[in-house]
């Protein structure tokens, strides 16, 4: 899984349960789950953090784009054309899609949060906004607006 290893620090064992079949509407499908634990850098402190991934798979296999519109809404389309399905690539794709875009520790668990909140003059609110004791540089513009 080279693409997944490029996106994370480390990957644990991957538990894969996939069922390949044809439903009553004659739609070929892949259904199941893909589970693992990955380590990714926290976007606040850049320290590694563990993230459990539990991706549900429910794909309807289509050969042409025109078939996508006729696919029941319960399925995500998997356009394969005339190619065979590589299960390893399918599993890697599902894991990549399940990764968080910006993983972060909870504020109370993040080493960076403790440093920022302890060392800040004005303090930091839980939402991440800082309270500043400096004067607002745009206050001069407000006074000009009032004159006209």
N, C-alpha and C. Protein backbone atom coordinates (compact mmCIF):
# COMPACT_ATOMS: atom_id res chain seq x y z
N UNK A 1 0.83 -1.19 0.00
CA UNK A 1 0.00 0.00 0.00
C UNK A 1 0.87 1.25 0.00
N UNK A 2 1.55 1.50 -1.07
CA UNK A 2 2.49 2.62 -1.11
C UNK A 2 1.82 3.99 -0.99
N UNK A 3 0.65 4.16 -1.58
CA UNK A 3 -0.01 5.48 -1.49
C UNK A 3 -0.46 5.77 -0.07
N UNK A 4 -0.94 4.76 0.63
CA UNK A 4 -1.35 4.95 2.03
C UNK A 4 -0.15 5.26 2.90
N UNK A 5 0.96 4.57 2.67
CA UNK A 5 2.17 4.83 3.46
C UNK A 5 2.74 6.22 3.21
N UNK A 6 2.47 6.80 2.04
CA UNK A 6 2.88 8.18 1.77
C UNK A 6 2.04 9.18 2.56
N UNK A 7 0.82 8.79 2.92
CA UNK A 7 -0.11 9.71 3.58
C UNK A 7 -0.07 9.63 5.10
N UNK A 8 0.51 8.56 5.65
CA UNK A 8 0.53 8.36 7.09
C UNK A 8 1.94 8.05 7.56
N UNK A 9 2.13 8.05 8.88
CA UNK A 9 3.42 7.70 9.45
C UNK A 9 3.58 6.19 9.51
N UNK A 10 2.50 5.51 9.95
CA UNK A 10 2.56 4.06 10.13
C UNK A 10 1.16 3.48 9.97
N UNK A 11 1.09 2.22 9.55
CA UNK A 11 -0.18 1.51 9.39
C UNK A 11 -0.09 0.20 10.17
N UNK A 12 -1.12 -0.08 10.94
CA UNK A 12 -1.19 -1.36 11.64
C UNK A 12 -1.72 -2.45 10.72
N UNK A 13 -2.07 -3.58 11.31
CA UNK A 13 -2.67 -4.67 10.54
C UNK A 13 -4.01 -4.19 9.99
N UNK A 14 -4.33 -4.63 8.77
CA UNK A 14 -5.58 -4.24 8.13
C UNK A 14 -6.52 -5.44 8.15
N UNK A 15 -7.71 -5.23 8.69
CA UNK A 15 -8.74 -6.26 8.76
C UNK A 15 -9.74 -5.99 7.63
N UNK A 16 -9.83 -6.92 6.68
CA UNK A 16 -10.67 -6.73 5.50
C UNK A 16 -11.73 -7.81 5.45
N UNK A 17 -12.98 -7.39 5.32
CA UNK A 17 -14.09 -8.31 5.10
C UNK A 17 -14.87 -7.78 3.91
N UNK A 18 -14.74 -8.44 2.77
CA UNK A 18 -15.44 -8.01 1.56
C UNK A 18 -16.24 -9.17 0.99
N UNK A 19 -17.43 -8.84 0.52
CA UNK A 19 -18.30 -9.80 -0.15
C UNK A 19 -18.50 -9.31 -1.58
N UNK A 20 -18.25 -10.17 -2.53
CA UNK A 20 -18.47 -9.87 -3.93
C UNK A 20 -19.70 -10.66 -4.36
N UNK A 21 -20.64 -10.01 -5.03
CA UNK A 21 -21.84 -10.74 -5.42
C UNK A 21 -22.67 -10.00 -6.44
N UNK A 22 -23.86 -10.56 -6.68
CA UNK A 22 -24.85 -9.97 -7.58
C UNK A 22 -26.16 -9.91 -6.81
N UNK A 23 -26.78 -8.72 -6.75
CA UNK A 23 -28.02 -8.59 -6.00
C UNK A 23 -29.23 -8.99 -6.85
N UNK A 24 -30.43 -8.85 -6.29
CA UNK A 24 -31.65 -9.26 -6.99
C UNK A 24 -31.90 -8.42 -8.24
N UNK A 25 -31.36 -7.21 -8.29
CA UNK A 25 -31.51 -6.36 -9.47
C UNK A 25 -30.42 -6.60 -10.51
N UNK A 26 -29.65 -7.65 -10.33
CA UNK A 26 -28.56 -8.05 -11.22
C UNK A 26 -27.41 -7.04 -11.24
N UNK A 27 -27.24 -6.35 -10.13
CA UNK A 27 -26.14 -5.39 -9.99
C UNK A 27 -25.00 -6.09 -9.27
N UNK A 28 -23.85 -6.06 -9.90
CA UNK A 28 -22.65 -6.62 -9.27
C UNK A 28 -22.20 -5.64 -8.18
N UNK A 29 -21.87 -6.18 -7.01
CA UNK A 29 -21.54 -5.30 -5.90
C UNK A 29 -20.36 -5.84 -5.11
N UNK A 30 -19.78 -4.94 -4.32
CA UNK A 30 -18.77 -5.27 -3.33
C UNK A 30 -19.25 -4.61 -2.04
N UNK A 31 -19.35 -5.40 -0.98
CA UNK A 31 -19.86 -4.88 0.28
C UNK A 31 -19.00 -5.42 1.42
N UNK A 32 -18.83 -4.63 2.46
CA UNK A 32 -18.07 -5.09 3.61
C UNK A 32 -17.45 -3.95 4.38
N UNK A 33 -16.30 -4.23 5.01
CA UNK A 33 -15.63 -3.21 5.80
C UNK A 33 -14.12 -3.40 5.73
N UNK A 34 -13.42 -2.31 6.00
CA UNK A 34 -11.96 -2.28 6.04
C UNK A 34 -11.59 -1.52 7.31
N UNK A 35 -10.82 -2.17 8.19
CA UNK A 35 -10.47 -1.57 9.48
C UNK A 35 -8.97 -1.63 9.70
N UNK A 36 -8.43 -0.59 10.29
CA UNK A 36 -7.03 -0.55 10.68
C UNK A 36 -6.81 0.60 11.65
N UNK A 37 -5.61 0.69 12.14
CA UNK A 37 -5.18 1.82 12.95
C UNK A 37 -3.98 2.43 12.25
N UNK A 38 -4.02 3.75 12.05
CA UNK A 38 -2.90 4.45 11.42
C UNK A 38 -2.35 5.48 12.40
N UNK A 39 -1.13 5.88 12.14
CA UNK A 39 -0.50 6.95 12.90
C UNK A 39 -0.28 8.11 11.93
N UNK A 40 -0.78 9.28 12.33
CA UNK A 40 -0.65 10.48 11.49
C UNK A 40 -0.17 11.63 12.36
N UNK A 41 0.47 12.65 11.76
CA UNK A 41 0.89 13.80 12.57
C UNK A 41 -0.30 14.70 12.92
N UNK A 42 -0.39 15.09 14.18
CA UNK A 42 -1.40 16.05 14.61
C UNK A 42 -1.09 17.39 13.94
N UNK A 43 -2.09 18.06 13.43
CA UNK A 43 -1.87 19.33 12.73
C UNK A 43 -1.65 20.49 13.69
N UNK A 44 -1.86 20.29 14.99
CA UNK A 44 -1.56 21.33 15.97
C UNK A 44 -0.11 21.24 16.45
N UNK A 45 0.31 20.01 16.83
CA UNK A 45 1.62 19.86 17.47
C UNK A 45 2.63 19.08 16.63
N UNK A 46 2.18 18.46 15.54
CA UNK A 46 2.99 17.64 14.64
C UNK A 46 3.52 16.37 15.30
N UNK A 47 3.01 16.03 16.48
CA UNK A 47 3.36 14.78 17.13
C UNK A 47 2.48 13.66 16.55
N UNK A 48 2.98 12.42 16.50
CA UNK A 48 2.16 11.31 15.98
C UNK A 48 0.94 11.07 16.87
N UNK A 49 -0.14 10.69 16.22
CA UNK A 49 -1.35 10.33 16.94
C UNK A 49 -1.98 9.12 16.25
N UNK A 50 -2.61 8.25 17.02
CA UNK A 50 -3.25 7.05 16.48
C UNK A 50 -4.69 7.36 16.10
N UNK A 51 -5.10 6.85 14.96
CA UNK A 51 -6.46 7.04 14.47
C UNK A 51 -6.99 5.69 14.03
N UNK A 52 -8.15 5.31 14.56
CA UNK A 52 -8.80 4.07 14.14
C UNK A 52 -9.64 4.36 12.90
N UNK A 53 -9.44 3.54 11.88
CA UNK A 53 -10.19 3.68 10.63
C UNK A 53 -11.14 2.50 10.52
N UNK A 54 -12.41 2.78 10.28
CA UNK A 54 -13.42 1.75 10.06
C UNK A 54 -14.24 2.20 8.85
N UNK A 55 -13.81 1.77 7.67
CA UNK A 55 -14.45 2.20 6.43
C UNK A 55 -15.46 1.15 5.99
N UNK A 56 -16.68 1.59 5.78
CA UNK A 56 -17.73 0.71 5.25
C UNK A 56 -17.70 0.78 3.73
N UNK A 57 -17.79 -0.37 3.10
CA UNK A 57 -17.72 -0.47 1.65
C UNK A 57 -19.06 -0.96 1.13
N UNK A 58 -19.64 -0.25 0.19
CA UNK A 58 -20.89 -0.68 -0.47
C UNK A 58 -20.86 -0.12 -1.89
N UNK A 59 -20.18 -0.84 -2.76
CA UNK A 59 -19.93 -0.36 -4.12
C UNK A 59 -20.75 -1.14 -5.13
N UNK A 60 -21.29 -0.42 -6.11
CA UNK A 60 -21.94 -1.03 -7.26
C UNK A 60 -20.99 -0.95 -8.44
N UNK A 61 -20.71 -2.09 -9.05
CA UNK A 61 -19.73 -2.13 -10.14
C UNK A 61 -20.41 -1.77 -11.45
N UNK A 62 -19.84 -0.79 -12.14
CA UNK A 62 -20.34 -0.37 -13.45
C UNK A 62 -19.20 -0.40 -14.45
N UNK A 63 -19.55 -0.69 -15.71
CA UNK A 63 -18.54 -0.78 -16.76
C UNK A 63 -18.48 0.51 -17.58
N UNK A 64 -19.60 1.23 -17.63
CA UNK A 64 -19.65 2.48 -18.40
C UNK A 64 -20.27 3.58 -17.54
N UNK A 65 -19.88 4.81 -17.81
CA UNK A 65 -20.39 5.95 -17.04
C UNK A 65 -21.91 6.08 -17.13
N UNK A 66 -22.50 5.66 -18.26
CA UNK A 66 -23.95 5.75 -18.42
C UNK A 66 -24.68 4.89 -17.39
N UNK A 67 -24.05 3.85 -16.87
CA UNK A 67 -24.68 2.98 -15.89
C UNK A 67 -24.74 3.60 -14.50
N UNK A 68 -23.92 4.60 -14.25
CA UNK A 68 -23.88 5.22 -12.92
C UNK A 68 -25.23 5.82 -12.55
N UNK A 69 -25.91 6.47 -13.51
CA UNK A 69 -27.21 7.09 -13.23
C UNK A 69 -28.28 6.06 -12.88
N UNK A 70 -28.14 4.84 -13.37
CA UNK A 70 -29.13 3.80 -13.11
C UNK A 70 -28.82 2.99 -11.85
N UNK A 71 -27.73 3.31 -11.20
CA UNK A 71 -27.32 2.59 -9.99
C UNK A 71 -28.18 3.04 -8.81
N UNK A 72 -28.73 2.10 -8.01
CA UNK A 72 -29.50 2.51 -6.84
C UNK A 72 -28.66 3.36 -5.89
N UNK A 73 -29.31 4.24 -5.15
CA UNK A 73 -28.59 5.18 -4.28
C UNK A 73 -27.86 4.50 -3.14
N UNK A 74 -28.19 3.27 -2.84
CA UNK A 74 -27.51 2.56 -1.76
C UNK A 74 -26.06 2.20 -2.11
N UNK A 75 -25.73 2.28 -3.40
CA UNK A 75 -24.38 1.93 -3.85
C UNK A 75 -23.59 3.17 -4.25
N UNK A 76 -22.30 3.15 -3.93
CA UNK A 76 -21.35 4.10 -4.51
C UNK A 76 -20.85 3.46 -5.80
N UNK A 77 -20.73 4.23 -6.88
CA UNK A 77 -20.29 3.60 -8.12
C UNK A 77 -18.79 3.27 -8.11
N UNK A 78 -18.46 2.13 -8.69
CA UNK A 78 -17.08 1.73 -8.92
C UNK A 78 -16.96 1.46 -10.41
N UNK A 79 -16.40 2.43 -11.13
CA UNK A 79 -16.25 2.32 -12.58
C UNK A 79 -14.98 1.53 -12.88
N UNK A 80 -15.16 0.36 -13.49
CA UNK A 80 -13.99 -0.47 -13.77
C UNK A 80 -13.71 -0.61 -15.25
N UNK A 81 -14.64 -0.25 -16.10
CA UNK A 81 -14.42 -0.45 -17.54
C UNK A 81 -14.29 -1.93 -17.82
N UNK A 82 -13.32 -2.30 -18.60
CA UNK A 82 -13.10 -3.70 -18.94
C UNK A 82 -12.01 -4.32 -18.07
N UNK A 83 -11.45 -3.55 -17.13
CA UNK A 83 -10.35 -4.03 -16.29
C UNK A 83 -10.85 -4.93 -15.17
N UNK A 84 -9.96 -5.75 -14.66
CA UNK A 84 -10.25 -6.56 -13.48
C UNK A 84 -10.05 -5.72 -12.23
N UNK A 85 -10.71 -6.11 -11.15
CA UNK A 85 -10.59 -5.40 -9.88
C UNK A 85 -9.42 -5.98 -9.11
N UNK A 86 -8.53 -5.12 -8.65
CA UNK A 86 -7.43 -5.53 -7.78
C UNK A 86 -7.88 -5.24 -6.35
N UNK A 87 -8.19 -6.27 -5.56
CA UNK A 87 -8.69 -6.03 -4.20
C UNK A 87 -7.74 -5.21 -3.33
N UNK A 88 -6.43 -5.36 -3.50
CA UNK A 88 -5.48 -4.59 -2.70
C UNK A 88 -5.60 -3.10 -3.00
N UNK A 89 -5.77 -2.74 -4.26
CA UNK A 89 -5.93 -1.34 -4.64
C UNK A 89 -7.27 -0.81 -4.12
N UNK A 90 -8.31 -1.63 -4.19
CA UNK A 90 -9.62 -1.24 -3.68
C UNK A 90 -9.55 -0.96 -2.18
N UNK A 91 -8.89 -1.83 -1.43
CA UNK A 91 -8.75 -1.64 0.02
C UNK A 91 -7.96 -0.37 0.31
N UNK A 92 -6.87 -0.15 -0.42
CA UNK A 92 -6.06 1.06 -0.21
C UNK A 92 -6.87 2.31 -0.52
N UNK A 93 -7.66 2.29 -1.60
CA UNK A 93 -8.52 3.44 -1.94
C UNK A 93 -9.50 3.74 -0.81
N UNK A 94 -10.13 2.71 -0.27
CA UNK A 94 -11.12 2.92 0.81
C UNK A 94 -10.45 3.48 2.06
N UNK A 95 -9.26 3.01 2.38
CA UNK A 95 -8.55 3.54 3.54
C UNK A 95 -8.14 4.99 3.32
N UNK A 96 -7.67 5.31 2.13
CA UNK A 96 -7.29 6.70 1.83
C UNK A 96 -8.50 7.63 1.93
N UNK A 97 -9.65 7.18 1.45
CA UNK A 97 -10.86 8.00 1.52
C UNK A 97 -11.33 8.21 2.96
N UNK A 98 -11.02 7.27 3.84
CA UNK A 98 -11.47 7.36 5.23
C UNK A 98 -10.54 8.17 6.13
N UNK A 99 -9.36 8.55 5.63
CA UNK A 99 -8.42 9.32 6.45
C UNK A 99 -8.97 10.72 6.71
N UNK A 100 -8.77 11.25 7.91
CA UNK A 100 -9.18 12.64 8.17
C UNK A 100 -8.29 13.61 7.41
N UNK A 101 -8.86 14.73 6.97
CA UNK A 101 -8.09 15.73 6.23
C UNK A 101 -7.08 16.45 7.10
N UNK A 102 -7.47 16.77 8.32
CA UNK A 102 -6.57 17.49 9.23
C UNK A 102 -6.68 16.86 10.61
N UNK A 103 -5.97 15.77 10.85
CA UNK A 103 -6.08 15.11 12.15
C UNK A 103 -5.49 15.98 13.26
N UNK A 104 -6.22 16.03 14.38
CA UNK A 104 -5.76 16.82 15.53
C UNK A 104 -6.14 16.10 16.81
N UNK A 105 -5.23 16.17 17.79
CA UNK A 105 -5.56 15.71 19.12
C UNK A 105 -6.73 16.57 19.63
N UNK A 106 -7.45 16.06 20.59
CA UNK A 106 -8.41 16.90 21.29
C UNK A 106 -7.61 17.98 22.01
N UNK A 107 -8.11 19.21 22.14
CA UNK A 107 -7.32 20.29 22.75
C UNK A 107 -6.73 19.92 24.10
N UNK A 108 -7.49 19.24 24.94
CA UNK A 108 -6.98 18.89 26.27
C UNK A 108 -5.88 17.83 26.21
N UNK A 109 -5.76 17.09 25.10
CA UNK A 109 -4.75 16.04 24.96
C UNK A 109 -3.55 16.46 24.12
N UNK A 110 -3.57 17.65 23.56
CA UNK A 110 -2.53 18.08 22.62
C UNK A 110 -1.40 18.80 23.36
N UNK A 111 -0.14 18.33 23.20
CA UNK A 111 0.99 19.01 23.83
C UNK A 111 1.13 20.47 23.39
N UNK A 112 0.82 20.77 22.14
CA UNK A 112 0.93 22.15 21.65
C UNK A 112 -0.11 23.05 22.30
N UNK A 113 -1.28 22.50 22.55
CA UNK A 113 -2.35 23.30 23.16
C UNK A 113 -1.93 23.76 24.55
N UNK A 114 -1.29 22.86 25.31
CA UNK A 114 -0.84 23.21 26.65
C UNK A 114 0.21 24.32 26.59
N UNK A 115 1.13 24.24 25.62
CA UNK A 115 2.18 25.27 25.49
C UNK A 115 1.58 26.61 25.08
N UNK A 116 0.63 26.60 24.15
CA UNK A 116 0.03 27.84 23.68
C UNK A 116 -0.79 28.49 24.77
N UNK A 117 -1.61 27.71 25.46
CA UNK A 117 -2.47 28.30 26.48
C UNK A 117 -1.68 28.76 27.70
N UNK A 118 -0.55 28.11 28.02
CA UNK A 118 0.27 28.51 29.16
C UNK A 118 1.13 29.73 28.85
N UNK A 119 1.59 29.85 27.60
CA UNK A 119 2.52 30.92 27.27
C UNK A 119 1.89 32.14 26.63
N UNK A 120 0.61 32.17 26.45
CA UNK A 120 -0.04 33.28 25.77
C UNK A 120 -0.35 34.42 26.74
N UNK A 121 -0.04 35.66 26.34
CA UNK A 121 -0.33 36.82 27.19
C UNK A 121 -1.82 37.05 27.31
N UNK A 122 -2.50 37.07 26.19
CA UNK A 122 -3.93 37.36 26.21
C UNK A 122 -4.77 36.13 26.44
N UNK A 123 -4.16 34.94 26.39
CA UNK A 123 -4.92 33.70 26.56
C UNK A 123 -5.44 33.21 25.23
N UNK A 124 -5.88 31.97 25.24
CA UNK A 124 -6.43 31.36 24.04
C UNK A 124 -7.77 30.77 24.39
N UNK A 125 -8.75 30.99 23.57
CA UNK A 125 -10.07 30.42 23.80
C UNK A 125 -10.11 29.01 23.25
N UNK A 126 -11.03 28.14 23.69
CA UNK A 126 -11.10 26.77 23.17
C UNK A 126 -11.32 26.71 21.67
N UNK A 127 -11.92 27.72 21.08
CA UNK A 127 -12.13 27.70 19.63
C UNK A 127 -10.86 28.01 18.87
N UNK A 128 -9.79 28.40 19.54
CA UNK A 128 -8.53 28.68 18.86
C UNK A 128 -8.29 30.16 18.64
N UNK A 129 -9.27 31.02 18.95
CA UNK A 129 -9.09 32.46 18.76
C UNK A 129 -8.28 33.02 19.92
N UNK A 130 -7.42 33.97 19.62
CA UNK A 130 -6.61 34.56 20.68
C UNK A 130 -7.24 35.86 21.14
N UNK A 131 -7.08 36.13 22.44
CA UNK A 131 -7.53 37.40 23.00
C UNK A 131 -6.30 38.30 23.02
N UNK A 132 -6.39 39.43 22.38
CA UNK A 132 -5.23 40.31 22.28
C UNK A 132 -5.41 41.54 23.16
N UNK A 133 -4.31 41.96 23.79
CA UNK A 133 -4.34 43.17 24.59
C UNK A 133 -3.84 44.36 23.78
N UNK A 134 -3.37 44.13 22.56
CA UNK A 134 -2.89 45.20 21.70
C UNK A 134 -4.07 45.96 21.10
N UNK A 135 -3.89 47.24 20.77
CA UNK A 135 -4.97 47.99 20.13
C UNK A 135 -5.21 47.48 18.71
N UNK A 136 -6.43 47.59 18.28
CA UNK A 136 -6.81 47.16 16.94
C UNK A 136 -6.25 48.14 15.92
N UNK A 137 -5.44 47.69 14.93
CA UNK A 137 -4.87 48.60 13.95
C UNK A 137 -5.92 49.22 13.03
N UNK A 138 -7.10 48.62 12.96
CA UNK A 138 -8.14 49.14 12.08
C UNK A 138 -9.06 50.14 12.79
N UNK A 139 -8.80 50.42 14.04
CA UNK A 139 -9.61 51.38 14.78
C UNK A 139 -9.51 52.77 14.14
N UNK A 140 -8.35 53.10 13.56
CA UNK A 140 -8.17 54.39 12.89
C UNK A 140 -9.13 54.49 11.71
N UNK A 141 -9.33 53.41 10.98
CA UNK A 141 -10.25 53.43 9.85
C UNK A 141 -11.68 53.65 10.32
N UNK A 142 -12.05 53.10 11.45
CA UNK A 142 -13.38 53.29 11.98
C UNK A 142 -13.63 54.77 12.30
N UNK A 143 -12.61 55.44 12.83
CA UNK A 143 -12.76 56.86 13.16
C UNK A 143 -12.89 57.69 11.88
N UNK A 144 -12.20 57.32 10.79
CA UNK A 144 -12.33 58.03 9.53
C UNK A 144 -13.71 57.84 8.93
N UNK A 145 -14.28 56.67 9.10
CA UNK A 145 -15.61 56.37 8.58
C UNK A 145 -16.65 57.24 9.27
N UNK A 146 -16.49 57.47 10.57
CA UNK A 146 -17.44 58.26 11.33
C UNK A 146 -17.42 59.74 10.92
N UNK A 147 -16.28 60.24 10.38
CA UNK A 147 -16.17 61.63 10.01
C UNK A 147 -16.93 61.95 8.72
N UNK A 148 -17.16 60.94 7.88
CA UNK A 148 -17.80 61.22 6.59
C UNK A 148 -19.18 60.72 6.56
